[in-house]
Amino acid sequence: MQIGLSSYSFRPLLANGSMTVESLFDWLVTHQAEHLEIATFSFAAAGTEAGYDLTEDAAVISRIEAAVERTGVPISGLCMGASFLGSAAERAAQIAAVKRHVELCSRLGAGFLRHDVVPWAYRLTDVAEFEREFAGIVEACTEIADFAQGYGVVTSVEDHGFFMNSAERLLRLHHAVGRDNFKLTVDVGNFLCVDDNPDVATRRTLPQASFVHVKDFYVRQTEPGLGWLKTHGGQFIRGSVFGYGDLNARGLMQAIVASGYDGFLSLEYEGNEPTLFGCETGLDTIRRLLAEIRG
């Protein structure tokens, strides 16, 4: 496995200007990260995340390319938001945007693109609504995967948000699209958003994984206070340093190793502890657990 981080982990520092594209890559070199996965909005100016399109930010792209050349740290993949709900024209515009990011993957030498299918915050309560939208989502994912095939890019969806989440829905979508280059980005923690057991859901989806995200959460049954995310079933979660929270960190890493997965693994840190502490400690924990598991 190649161990690295998502640029999302550094978003607070990139947003307030205390970290730049260049100093981010310097940090990766210092801490021997083997790749950077780009969450595209990471480089947006504070407050502009929702409308940001990395493919239109020529200056940032050039800086990323220069940093890759200077440090040798590769870009493993891109993660972007997308929604295939709405009118035919809206869907077509979203599909076109995802295709532009496929082309950007090719330009950056990245072989993987994770795209969403609905807005992250979209909360589904009606199963009938999911069934109505499913065919259109399959059609869009298939069109994008077929386009990406020509660029040698593997596309994927992730257990992200509250709609296309849970092992069951992810595996159903994967089966329905039925393309060799359409896979799953397996995030070991995000299953909690819909109260899917992370250990079980991770084991179920790893055979179809093209990419793996590692993170940790504190989990509570009643709301402790401000800053906690309410899950679909009414639990409350908050990001933590990997290994500090309530997820079974060792068991999840054991499952990844046992599955035979040997691709890119990204730490996604989104806790309240200082950003660089969370990134460094989480990275060290991943390496320590892998060394212990492998003997």
C-alpha atoms as a PDB file:
ATOM      1  CA  MET A   1       0.000   0.000   0.000  1.00  0.00           C
ATOM      2  CA  GLN A   2       1.008   3.590  -0.618  1.00  0.00           C
ATOM      3  CA  ILE A   3       0.240   5.689   2.460  1.00  0.00           C
ATOM      4  CA  GLY A   4      -0.567   9.370   2.077  1.00  0.00           C
ATOM      5  CA  LEU A   5      -3.118  12.005   2.915  1.00  0.00           C
ATOM      6  CA  SER A   6      -6.076  13.782   1.446  1.00  0.00           C
ATOM      7  CA  SER A   7      -5.649  17.521   0.963  1.00  0.00           C
ATOM      8  CA  TYR A   8      -8.940  17.768   2.867  1.00  0.00           C
ATOM      9  CA  SER A   9      -6.965  17.048   6.025  1.00  0.00           C
ATOM     10  CA  PHE A  10      -5.166  20.384   5.615  1.00  0.00           C
ATOM     11  CA  ARG A  11      -8.214  22.451   4.641  1.00  0.00           C
ATOM     12  CA  PRO A  12      -8.274  24.674   7.773  1.00  0.00           C
ATOM     13  CA  LEU A  13      -4.674  25.762   7.171  1.00  0.00           C
ATOM     14  CA  LEU A  14      -5.117  26.216   3.429  1.00  0.00           C
ATOM     15  CA  ALA A  15      -8.248  28.286   4.052  1.00  0.00           C
ATOM     16  CA  ASN A  16      -6.631  30.677   6.548  1.00  0.00           C
ATOM     17  CA  GLY A  17      -3.478  31.058   4.487  1.00  0.00           C
ATOM     18  CA  SER A  18      -1.056  29.539   6.992  1.00  0.00           C
ATOM     19  CA  MET A  19      -0.313  26.714   4.538  1.00  0.00           C
ATOM     20  CA  THR A  20       0.236  27.014   0.795  1.00  0.00           C
ATOM     21  CA  VAL A  21       0.342  24.478  -2.000  1.00  0.00           C
ATOM     22  CA  GLU A  22       4.134  24.566  -1.743  1.00  0.00           C
ATOM     23  CA  SER A  23       4.364  24.191   2.043  1.00  0.00           C
ATOM     24  CA  LEU A  24       1.800  21.368   1.934  1.00  0.00           C
ATOM     25  CA  PHE A  25       4.091  19.388  -0.346  1.00  0.00           C
ATOM     26  CA  ASP A  26       7.069  20.221   1.865  1.00  0.00           C
ATOM     27  CA  TRP A  27       5.161  18.789   4.848  1.00  0.00           C
ATOM     28  CA  LEU A  28       4.424  15.619   2.875  1.00  0.00           C
ATOM     29  CA  VAL A  29       8.118  15.179   2.078  1.00  0.00           C
ATOM     30  CA  THR A  30       9.161  15.759   5.692  1.00  0.00           C
ATOM     31  CA  HIS A  31       6.694  13.136   6.910  1.00  0.00           C
ATOM     32  CA  GLN A  32       7.470  10.681   4.102  1.00  0.00           C
ATOM     33  CA  ALA A  33       3.961  10.626   2.674  1.00  0.00           C
ATOM     34  CA  GLU A  34       3.839   8.560  -0.484  1.00  0.00           C
ATOM     35  CA  HIS A  35       1.070  10.440  -2.268  1.00  0.00           C
ATOM     36  CA  LEU A  36      -1.436  13.284  -2.062  1.00  0.00           C
ATOM     37  CA  GLU A  37      -5.094  12.793  -2.885  1.00  0.00           C
ATOM     38  CA  ILE A  38      -6.765  16.076  -3.823  1.00  0.00           C
ATOM     39  CA  ALA A  39     -10.201  16.992  -2.517  1.00  0.00           C
ATOM     40  CA  THR A  40     -10.766  19.681  -5.119  1.00  0.00           C
ATOM     41  CA  PHE A  41     -12.348  22.350  -2.914  1.00  0.00           C
ATOM     42  CA  SER A  42      -9.337  22.236  -0.554  1.00  0.00           C
ATOM     43  CA  PHE A  43      -7.669  25.015  -2.533  1.00  0.00           C
ATOM     44  CA  ALA A  44     -10.687  27.335  -2.704  1.00  0.00           C
ATOM     45  CA  ALA A  45     -10.571  30.687  -0.965  1.00  0.00           C
ATOM     46  CA  ALA A  46     -12.423  30.669   2.345  1.00  0.00           C
ATOM     47  CA  GLY A  47     -16.170  30.920   1.782  1.00  0.00           C
ATOM     48  CA  THR A  48     -16.032  29.970  -1.906  1.00  0.00           C
ATOM     49  CA  GLU A  49     -15.959  26.181  -1.555  1.00  0.00           C
ATOM     50  CA  ALA A  50     -19.466  25.544  -2.929  1.00  0.00           C
ATOM     51  CA  GLY A  51     -18.818  27.122  -6.333  1.00  0.00           C
ATOM     52  CA  TYR A  52     -15.160  26.225  -6.704  1.00  0.00           C
ATOM     53  CA  ASP A  53     -14.024  24.350  -9.815  1.00  0.00           C
ATOM     54  CA  LEU A  54     -10.377  23.293  -9.727  1.00  0.00           C
ATOM     55  CA  THR A  55     -10.359  22.740 -13.484  1.00  0.00           C
ATOM     56  CA  GLU A  56     -10.879  26.505 -13.922  1.00  0.00           C
ATOM     57  CA  ASP A  57      -8.099  27.514 -11.501  1.00  0.00           C
ATOM     58  CA  ALA A  58      -5.112  27.491 -13.838  1.00  0.00           C
ATOM     59  CA  ALA A  59      -2.811  29.115 -11.285  1.00  0.00           C
ATOM     60  CA  VAL A  60      -3.386  26.475  -8.615  1.00  0.00           C
ATOM     61  CA  ILE A  61      -3.071  23.645 -11.125  1.00  0.00           C
ATOM     62  CA  SER A  62       0.289  25.011 -12.274  1.00  0.00           C
ATOM     63  CA  ARG A  63       1.478  25.296  -8.684  1.00  0.00           C
ATOM     64  CA  ILE A  64       0.437  21.703  -7.987  1.00  0.00           C
ATOM     65  CA  GLU A  65       2.296  20.490 -11.073  1.00  0.00           C
ATOM     66  CA  ALA A  66       5.409  22.415 -10.055  1.00  0.00           C
ATOM     67  CA  ALA A  67       5.250  21.023  -6.511  1.00  0.00           C
ATOM     68  CA  VAL A  68       4.907  17.462  -7.805  1.00  0.00           C
ATOM     69  CA  GLU A  69       7.919  17.992 -10.078  1.00  0.00           C
ATOM     70  CA  ARG A  70       9.979  19.540  -7.271  1.00  0.00           C
ATOM     71  CA  THR A  71       9.206  17.026  -4.525  1.00  0.00           C
ATOM     72  CA  GLY A  72       8.389  13.816  -6.370  1.00  0.00           C
ATOM     73  CA  VAL A  73       5.187  13.341  -4.337  1.00  0.00           C
ATOM     74  CA  PRO A  74       2.580  12.087  -6.825  1.00  0.00           C
ATOM     75  CA  ILE A  75      -1.091  12.995  -7.070  1.00  0.00           C
ATOM     76  CA  SER A  76      -2.970   9.744  -6.587  1.00  0.00           C
ATOM     77  CA  GLY A  77      -6.487  10.911  -7.322  1.00  0.00           C
ATOM     78  CA  LEU A  78      -9.127  13.616  -7.159  1.00  0.00           C
ATOM     79  CA  CYS A  79     -12.308  13.806  -5.074  1.00  0.00           C
ATOM     80  CA  MET A  80     -15.113  16.128  -6.149  1.00  0.00           C
ATOM     81  CA  GLY A  81     -18.716  16.889  -5.437  1.00  0.00           C
ATOM     82  CA  ALA A  82     -21.423  16.252  -8.024  1.00  0.00           C
ATOM     83  CA  SER A  83     -25.190  15.840  -8.151  1.00  0.00           C
ATOM     84  CA  PHE A  84     -27.163  13.930 -10.740  1.00  0.00           C
ATOM     85  CA  LEU A  85     -30.531  15.068  -9.414  1.00  0.00           C
ATOM     86  CA  GLY A  86     -32.593  17.796 -11.065  1.00  0.00           C
ATOM     87  CA  SER A  87     -33.468  18.578 -14.664  1.00  0.00           C
ATOM     88  CA  ALA A  88     -31.862  17.015 -17.721  1.00  0.00           C
ATOM     89  CA  ALA A  89     -29.920  20.221 -18.333  1.00  0.00           C
ATOM     90  CA  GLU A  90     -28.657  20.326 -14.744  1.00  0.00           C
ATOM     91  CA  ARG A  91     -27.571  16.706 -14.899  1.00  0.00           C
ATOM     92  CA  ALA A  92     -25.803  17.244 -18.218  1.00  0.00           C
ATOM     93  CA  ALA A  93     -23.887  20.191 -16.755  1.00  0.00           C
ATOM     94  CA  GLN A  94     -22.806  18.122 -13.761  1.00  0.00           C
ATOM     95  CA  ILE A  95     -21.693  15.219 -15.943  1.00  0.00           C
ATOM     96  CA  ALA A  96     -19.682  17.620 -18.091  1.00  0.00           C
ATOM     97  CA  ALA A  97     -17.983  19.003 -14.965  1.00  0.00           C
ATOM     98  CA  VAL A  98     -17.014  15.523 -13.814  1.00  0.00           C
ATOM     99  CA  LYS A  99     -15.596  14.757 -17.254  1.00  0.00           C
ATOM    100  CA  ARG A 100     -13.412  17.874 -17.018  1.00  0.00           C
ATOM    101  CA  HIS A 101     -12.003  16.474 -13.787  1.00  0.00           C
ATOM    102  CA  VAL A 102     -11.301  13.164 -15.528  1.00  0.00           C
ATOM    103  CA  GLU A 103      -9.199  15.139 -17.993  1.00  0.00           C
ATOM    104  CA  LEU A 104      -7.473  16.896 -15.096  1.00  0.00           C
ATOM    105  CA  CYS A 105      -6.655  13.508 -13.545  1.00  0.00           C
ATOM    106  CA  SER A 106      -4.952  12.565 -16.785  1.00  0.00           C
ATOM    107  CA  ARG A 107      -3.015  15.851 -16.845  1.00  0.00           C
ATOM    108  CA  LEU A 108      -1.813  15.359 -13.250  1.00  0.00           C
ATOM    109  CA  GLY A 109      -0.942  11.698 -13.727  1.00  0.00           C
ATOM    110  CA  ALA A 110      -3.660  10.586 -11.297  1.00  0.00           C
ATOM    111  CA  GLY A 111      -5.448   7.336 -12.021  1.00  0.00           C
ATOM    112  CA  PHE A 112      -8.475   7.749  -9.759  1.00  0.00           C
ATOM    113  CA  LEU A 113     -11.476  10.074  -9.549  1.00  0.00           C
ATOM    114  CA  ARG A 114     -14.126   9.903  -6.839  1.00  0.00           C
ATOM    115  CA  HIS A 115     -17.291  11.830  -7.595  1.00  0.00           C
ATOM    116  CA  ASP A 116     -20.460  12.235  -5.576  1.00  0.00           C
ATOM    117  CA  VAL A 117     -23.902  11.595  -7.053  1.00  0.00           C
ATOM    118  CA  VAL A 118     -25.996  13.899  -4.829  1.00  0.00           C
ATOM    119  CA  PRO A 119     -25.117  16.829  -2.544  1.00  0.00           C
ATOM    120  CA  TRP A 120     -23.370  15.663   0.621  1.00  0.00           C
ATOM    121  CA  ALA A 121     -26.036  17.084   2.939  1.00  0.00           C
ATOM    122  CA  TYR A 122     -28.984  15.552   1.047  1.00  0.00           C
ATOM    123  CA  ARG A 123     -30.828  13.426   3.601  1.00  0.00           C
ATOM    124  CA  LEU A 124     -33.154  10.761   2.283  1.00  0.00           C
ATOM    125  CA  THR A 125     -36.083   9.563   4.370  1.00  0.00           C
ATOM    126  CA  ASP A 126     -38.233   7.988   1.635  1.00  0.00           C
ATOM    127  CA  VAL A 127     -37.049   4.747   0.035  1.00  0.00           C
ATOM    128  CA  ALA A 128     -39.369   5.405  -2.908  1.00  0.00           C
ATOM    129  CA  GLU A 129     -37.405   8.588  -3.648  1.00  0.00           C
ATOM    130  CA  PHE A 130     -34.173   6.616  -3.765  1.00  0.00           C
ATOM    131  CA  GLU A 131     -35.742   4.185  -6.230  1.00  0.00           C
ATOM    132  CA  ARG A 132     -36.944   7.038  -8.441  1.00  0.00           C
ATOM    133  CA  GLU A 133     -33.464   8.562  -8.631  1.00  0.00           C
ATOM    134  CA  PHE A 134     -31.444   5.366  -8.873  1.00  0.00           C
ATOM    135  CA  ALA A 135     -31.730   4.752 -12.627  1.00  0.00           C
ATOM    136  CA  GLY A 136     -30.599   8.288 -13.451  1.00  0.00           C
ATOM    137  CA  ILE A 137     -27.627   7.972 -11.121  1.00  0.00           C
ATOM    138  CA  VAL A 138     -26.625   4.687 -12.745  1.00  0.00           C
ATOM    139  CA  GLU A 139     -26.885   6.236 -16.194  1.00  0.00           C
ATOM    140  CA  ALA A 140     -24.688   9.199 -15.228  1.00  0.00           C
ATOM    141  CA  CYS A 141     -22.052   7.046 -13.505  1.00  0.00           C
ATOM    142  CA  THR A 142     -21.923   4.751 -16.519  1.00  0.00           C
ATOM    143  CA  GLU A 143     -21.471   7.625 -18.977  1.00  0.00           C
ATOM    144  CA  ILE A 144     -18.644   9.064 -16.892  1.00  0.00           C
ATOM    145  CA  ALA A 145     -16.912   5.703 -16.437  1.00  0.00           C
ATOM    146  CA  ASP A 146     -17.051   5.065 -20.180  1.00  0.00           C
ATOM    147  CA  PHE A 147     -15.531   8.494 -20.815  1.00  0.00           C
ATOM    148  CA  ALA A 148     -12.835   7.911 -18.177  1.00  0.00           C
ATOM    149  CA  GLN A 149     -11.894   4.573 -19.709  1.00  0.00           C
ATOM    150  CA  GLY A 150     -10.353   6.454 -22.620  1.00  0.00           C
ATOM    151  CA  TYR A 151      -8.060   8.296 -20.199  1.00  0.00           C
ATOM    152  CA  GLY A 152      -7.085   5.261 -18.140  1.00  0.00           C
ATOM    153  CA  VAL A 153      -8.915   6.679 -15.111  1.00  0.00           C
ATOM    154  CA  VAL A 154     -10.885   4.612 -12.604  1.00  0.00           C
ATOM    155  CA  THR A 155     -13.994   6.377 -11.311  1.00  0.00           C
ATOM    156  CA  SER A 156     -15.728   5.616  -8.035  1.00  0.00           C
ATOM    157  CA  VAL A 157     -18.358   6.641  -5.534  1.00  0.00           C
ATOM    158  CA  GLU A 158     -17.815   6.777  -1.796  1.00  0.00           C
ATOM    159  CA  ASP A 159     -19.854   6.134   1.345  1.00  0.00           C
ATOM    160  CA  HIS A 160     -20.257   9.884   1.578  1.00  0.00           C
ATOM    161  CA  GLY A 161     -23.155  11.795   3.074  1.00  0.00           C
ATOM    162  CA  PHE A 162     -26.592  10.323   3.693  1.00  0.00           C
ATOM    163  CA  PHE A 163     -27.994   9.167   0.342  1.00  0.00           C
ATOM    164  CA  MET A 164     -25.574   6.958  -1.590  1.00  0.00           C
ATOM    165  CA  ASN A 165     -24.140   5.476   1.563  1.00  0.00           C
ATOM    166  CA  SER A 166     -24.219   2.098   3.367  1.00  0.00           C
ATOM    167  CA  ALA A 167     -22.546  -0.988   2.002  1.00  0.00           C
ATOM    168  CA  GLU A 168     -25.789  -2.217   0.473  1.00  0.00           C
ATOM    169  CA  ARG A 169     -26.430   0.876  -1.650  1.00  0.00           C
ATOM    170  CA  LEU A 170     -22.815   1.168  -2.753  1.00  0.00           C
ATOM    171  CA  LEU A 171     -22.633  -2.451  -3.844  1.00  0.00           C
ATOM    172  CA  ARG A 172     -25.966  -2.137  -5.635  1.00  0.00           C
ATOM    173  CA  LEU A 173     -24.722   0.872  -7.607  1.00  0.00           C
ATOM    174  CA  HIS A 174     -21.433  -0.826  -8.410  1.00  0.00           C
ATOM    175  CA  HIS A 175     -23.288  -3.856  -9.760  1.00  0.00           C
ATOM    176  CA  ALA A 176     -25.744  -1.764 -11.780  1.00  0.00           C
ATOM    177  CA  VAL A 177     -23.029   0.286 -13.506  1.00  0.00           C
ATOM    178  CA  GLY A 178     -21.080  -2.845 -14.330  1.00  0.00           C
ATOM    179  CA  ARG A 179     -17.907  -1.241 -15.708  1.00  0.00           C
ATOM    180  CA  ASP A 180     -14.424  -2.539 -14.934  1.00  0.00           C
ATOM    181  CA  ASN A 181     -13.198   1.002 -14.210  1.00  0.00           C
ATOM    182  CA  PHE A 182     -16.088   1.921 -11.910  1.00  0.00           C
ATOM    183  CA  LYS A 183     -15.286   1.005  -8.321  1.00  0.00           C
ATOM    184  CA  LEU A 184     -15.778   2.139  -4.734  1.00  0.00           C
ATOM    185  CA  THR A 185     -13.827   4.534  -2.555  1.00  0.00           C
ATOM    186  CA  VAL A 186     -14.156   2.848   0.822  1.00  0.00           C
ATOM    187  CA  ASP A 187     -14.068   5.286   3.740  1.00  0.00           C
ATOM    188  CA  VAL A 188     -13.855   3.243   6.931  1.00  0.00           C
ATOM    189  CA  GLY A 189     -15.598   5.929   9.014  1.00  0.00           C
ATOM    190  CA  ASN A 190     -18.251   7.512   6.822  1.00  0.00           C
ATOM    191  CA  PHE A 191     -20.547   4.502   7.105  1.00  0.00           C
ATOM    192  CA  LEU A 192     -21.455   5.914  10.525  1.00  0.00           C
ATOM    193  CA  CYS A 193     -23.381   8.750   8.849  1.00  0.00           C
ATOM    194  CA  VAL A 194     -26.125   6.230   8.063  1.00  0.00           C
ATOM    195  CA  ASP A 195     -25.424   4.057  11.133  1.00  0.00           C
ATOM    196  CA  ASP A 196     -23.904   1.221   9.115  1.00  0.00           C
ATOM    197  CA  ASN A 197     -21.437  -0.757  11.238  1.00  0.00           C
ATOM    198  CA  PRO A 198     -17.992   0.398  10.034  1.00  0.00           C
ATOM    199  CA  ASP A 199     -16.281  -2.954  10.604  1.00  0.00           C
ATOM    200  CA  VAL A 200     -18.910  -4.949   8.720  1.00  0.00           C
ATOM    201  CA  ALA A 201     -19.477  -2.396   5.950  1.00  0.00           C
ATOM    202  CA  THR A 202     -15.740  -1.991   5.357  1.00  0.00           C
ATOM    203  CA  ARG A 203     -15.258  -5.751   5.009  1.00  0.00           C
ATOM    204  CA  ARG A 204     -18.224  -5.985   2.620  1.00  0.00           C
ATOM    205  CA  THR A 205     -17.050  -3.240   0.291  1.00  0.00           C
ATOM    206  CA  LEU A 206     -13.265  -3.726   0.261  1.00  0.00           C
ATOM    207  CA  PRO A 207     -13.387  -6.338  -2.546  1.00  0.00           C
ATOM    208  CA  GLN A 208     -14.654  -3.581  -4.863  1.00  0.00           C
ATOM    209  CA  ALA A 209     -12.359  -0.828  -3.593  1.00  0.00           C
ATOM    210  CA  SER A 210     -10.221   1.255  -5.912  1.00  0.00           C
ATOM    211  CA  PHE A 211      -9.232   3.617  -3.086  1.00  0.00           C
ATOM    212  CA  VAL A 212      -9.380   3.576   0.729  1.00  0.00           C
ATOM    213  CA  HIS A 213      -9.844   6.454   3.186  1.00  0.00           C
ATOM    214  CA  VAL A 214      -8.935   6.063   6.851  1.00  0.00           C
ATOM    215  CA  LYS A 215     -10.376   8.260   9.605  1.00  0.00           C
ATOM    216  CA  ASP A 216     -11.800   8.069  13.115  1.00  0.00           C
ATOM    217  CA  PHE A 217     -14.800   9.455  14.985  1.00  0.00           C
ATOM    218  CA  TYR A 218     -16.041   9.935  18.498  1.00  0.00           C
ATOM    219  CA  VAL A 219     -19.533   8.411  18.737  1.00  0.00           C
ATOM    220  CA  ARG A 220     -22.195   9.376  21.279  1.00  0.00           C
ATOM    221  CA  GLN A 221     -25.817   8.344  21.730  1.00  0.00           C
ATOM    222  CA  THR A 222     -26.958  11.760  22.968  1.00  0.00           C
ATOM    223  CA  GLU A 223     -25.796  15.157  21.762  1.00  0.00           C
ATOM    224  CA  PRO A 224     -22.810  16.315  23.865  1.00  0.00           C
ATOM    225  CA  GLY A 225     -22.928  19.905  22.622  1.00  0.00           C
ATOM    226  CA  LEU A 226     -22.153  22.029  19.591  1.00  0.00           C
ATOM    227  CA  GLY A 227     -20.079  20.713  16.709  1.00  0.00           C
ATOM    228  CA  TRP A 228     -21.419  17.159  16.526  1.00  0.00           C
ATOM    229  CA  LEU A 229     -22.951  15.674  13.374  1.00  0.00           C
ATOM    230  CA  LYS A 230     -26.293  13.909  13.767  1.00  0.00           C
ATOM    231  CA  THR A 231     -26.393  10.613  11.902  1.00  0.00           C
ATOM    232  CA  HIS A 232     -29.352   9.303   9.932  1.00  0.00           C
ATOM    233  CA  GLY A 233     -30.439   7.194  12.909  1.00  0.00           C
ATOM    234  CA  GLY A 234     -29.888   9.818  15.597  1.00  0.00           C
ATOM    235  CA  GLN A 235     -26.381   9.132  16.890  1.00  0.00           C
ATOM    236  CA  PHE A 236     -23.843  11.962  17.164  1.00  0.00           C
ATOM    237  CA  ILE A 237     -20.334  11.824  15.723  1.00  0.00           C
ATOM    238  CA  ARG A 238     -17.312  14.132  15.614  1.00  0.00           C
ATOM    239  CA  GLY A 239     -13.982  13.656  13.878  1.00  0.00           C
ATOM    240  CA  SER A 240     -10.962  12.577  15.921  1.00  0.00           C
ATOM    241  CA  VAL A 241      -7.297  11.803  15.461  1.00  0.00           C
ATOM    242  CA  PHE A 242      -7.062   8.336  13.929  1.00  0.00           C
ATOM    243  CA  GLY A 243      -6.722   5.879  16.806  1.00  0.00           C
ATOM    244  CA  TYR A 244      -8.120   8.292  19.424  1.00  0.00           C
ATOM    245  CA  GLY A 245     -11.803   7.834  18.646  1.00  0.00           C
ATOM    246  CA  ASP A 246     -14.381   5.089  19.025  1.00  0.00           C
ATOM    247  CA  LEU A 247     -13.775   3.220  15.778  1.00  0.00           C
ATOM    248  CA  ASN A 248     -11.957  -0.100  15.866  1.00  0.00           C
ATOM    249  CA  ALA A 249      -8.754   1.259  14.306  1.00  0.00           C
ATOM    250  CA  ARG A 250      -6.755  -1.948  14.574  1.00  0.00           C
ATOM    251  CA  GLY A 251      -9.611  -4.105  13.347  1.00  0.00           C
ATOM    252  CA  LEU A 252     -10.225  -1.846  10.368  1.00  0.00           C
ATOM    253  CA  MET A 253      -6.564  -1.916   9.395  1.00  0.00           C
ATOM    254  CA  GLN A 254      -6.566  -5.697   9.810  1.00  0.00           C
ATOM    255  CA  ALA A 255      -9.549  -5.913   7.454  1.00  0.00           C
ATOM    256  CA  ILE A 256      -7.758  -3.809   4.835  1.00  0.00           C
ATOM    257  CA  VAL A 257      -4.661  -6.012   4.989  1.00  0.00           C
ATOM    258  CA  ALA A 258      -6.693  -9.240   4.999  1.00  0.00           C
ATOM    259  CA  SER A 259      -8.636  -8.143   1.916  1.00  0.00           C
ATOM    260  CA  GLY A 260      -5.438  -8.026  -0.123  1.00  0.00           C
ATOM    261  CA  TYR A 261      -5.951  -4.364  -0.954  1.00  0.00           C
ATOM    262  CA  ASP A 262      -2.631  -2.952  -2.133  1.00  0.00           C
ATOM    263  CA  GLY A 263      -3.478   0.455  -3.590  1.00  0.00           C
ATOM    264  CA  PHE A 264      -3.493   4.030  -2.314  1.00  0.00           C
ATOM    265  CA  LEU A 265      -4.601   4.685   1.251  1.00  0.00           C
ATOM    266  CA  SER A 266      -5.380   8.247   2.363  1.00  0.00           C
ATOM    267  CA  LEU A 267      -5.654   9.603   5.870  1.00  0.00           C
ATOM    268  CA  GLU A 268      -8.561  12.049   6.120  1.00  0.00           C
ATOM    269  CA  TYR A 269      -8.242  14.050   9.314  1.00  0.00           C
ATOM    270  CA  GLU A 270     -11.229  16.193  10.282  1.00  0.00           C
ATOM    271  CA  GLY A 271     -10.960  16.490  14.057  1.00  0.00           C
ATOM    272  CA  ASN A 272     -10.838  19.483  16.398  1.00  0.00           C
ATOM    273  CA  GLU A 273      -7.284  18.851  17.568  1.00  0.00           C
ATOM    274  CA  PRO A 274      -4.592  20.979  15.834  1.00  0.00           C
ATOM    275  CA  THR A 275      -4.447  20.094  12.159  1.00  0.00           C
ATOM    276  CA  LEU A 276      -0.794  19.154  11.828  1.00  0.00           C
ATOM    277  CA  PHE A 277      -0.852  17.192  15.092  1.00  0.00           C
ATOM    278  CA  GLY A 278      -3.853  15.207  13.809  1.00  0.00           C
ATOM    279  CA  CYS A 279      -2.213  14.557  10.460  1.00  0.00           C
ATOM    280  CA  GLU A 280       1.159  13.516  11.872  1.00  0.00           C
ATOM    281  CA  THR A 281      -0.265  11.381  14.663  1.00  0.00           C
ATOM    282  CA  GLY A 282      -2.769   9.677  12.382  1.00  0.00           C
ATOM    283  CA  LEU A 283      -0.099   8.917   9.807  1.00  0.00           C
ATOM    284  CA  ASP A 284       2.161   7.434  12.491  1.00  0.00           C
ATOM    285  CA  THR A 285      -0.719   5.317  13.842  1.00  0.00           C
ATOM    286  CA  ILE A 286      -1.474   3.882  10.404  1.00  0.00           C
ATOM    287  CA  ARG A 287       2.157   2.914   9.912  1.00  0.00           C
ATOM    288  CA  ARG A 288       2.489   1.443  13.391  1.00  0.00           C
ATOM    289  CA  LEU A 289      -0.664  -0.659  13.048  1.00  0.00           C
ATOM    290  CA  LEU A 290       0.351  -1.935   9.608  1.00  0.00           C
ATOM    291  CA  ALA A 291       3.783  -2.914  10.935  1.00  0.00           C
ATOM    292  CA  GLU A 292       2.248  -4.764  13.878  1.00  0.00           C
ATOM    293  CA  ILE A 293      -0.369  -6.526  11.747  1.00  0.00           C
ATOM    294  CA  ARG A 294       2.156  -7.642   9.170  1.00  0.00           C
ATOM    295  CA  GLY A 295       4.525  -8.830  11.896  1.00  0.00           C
END
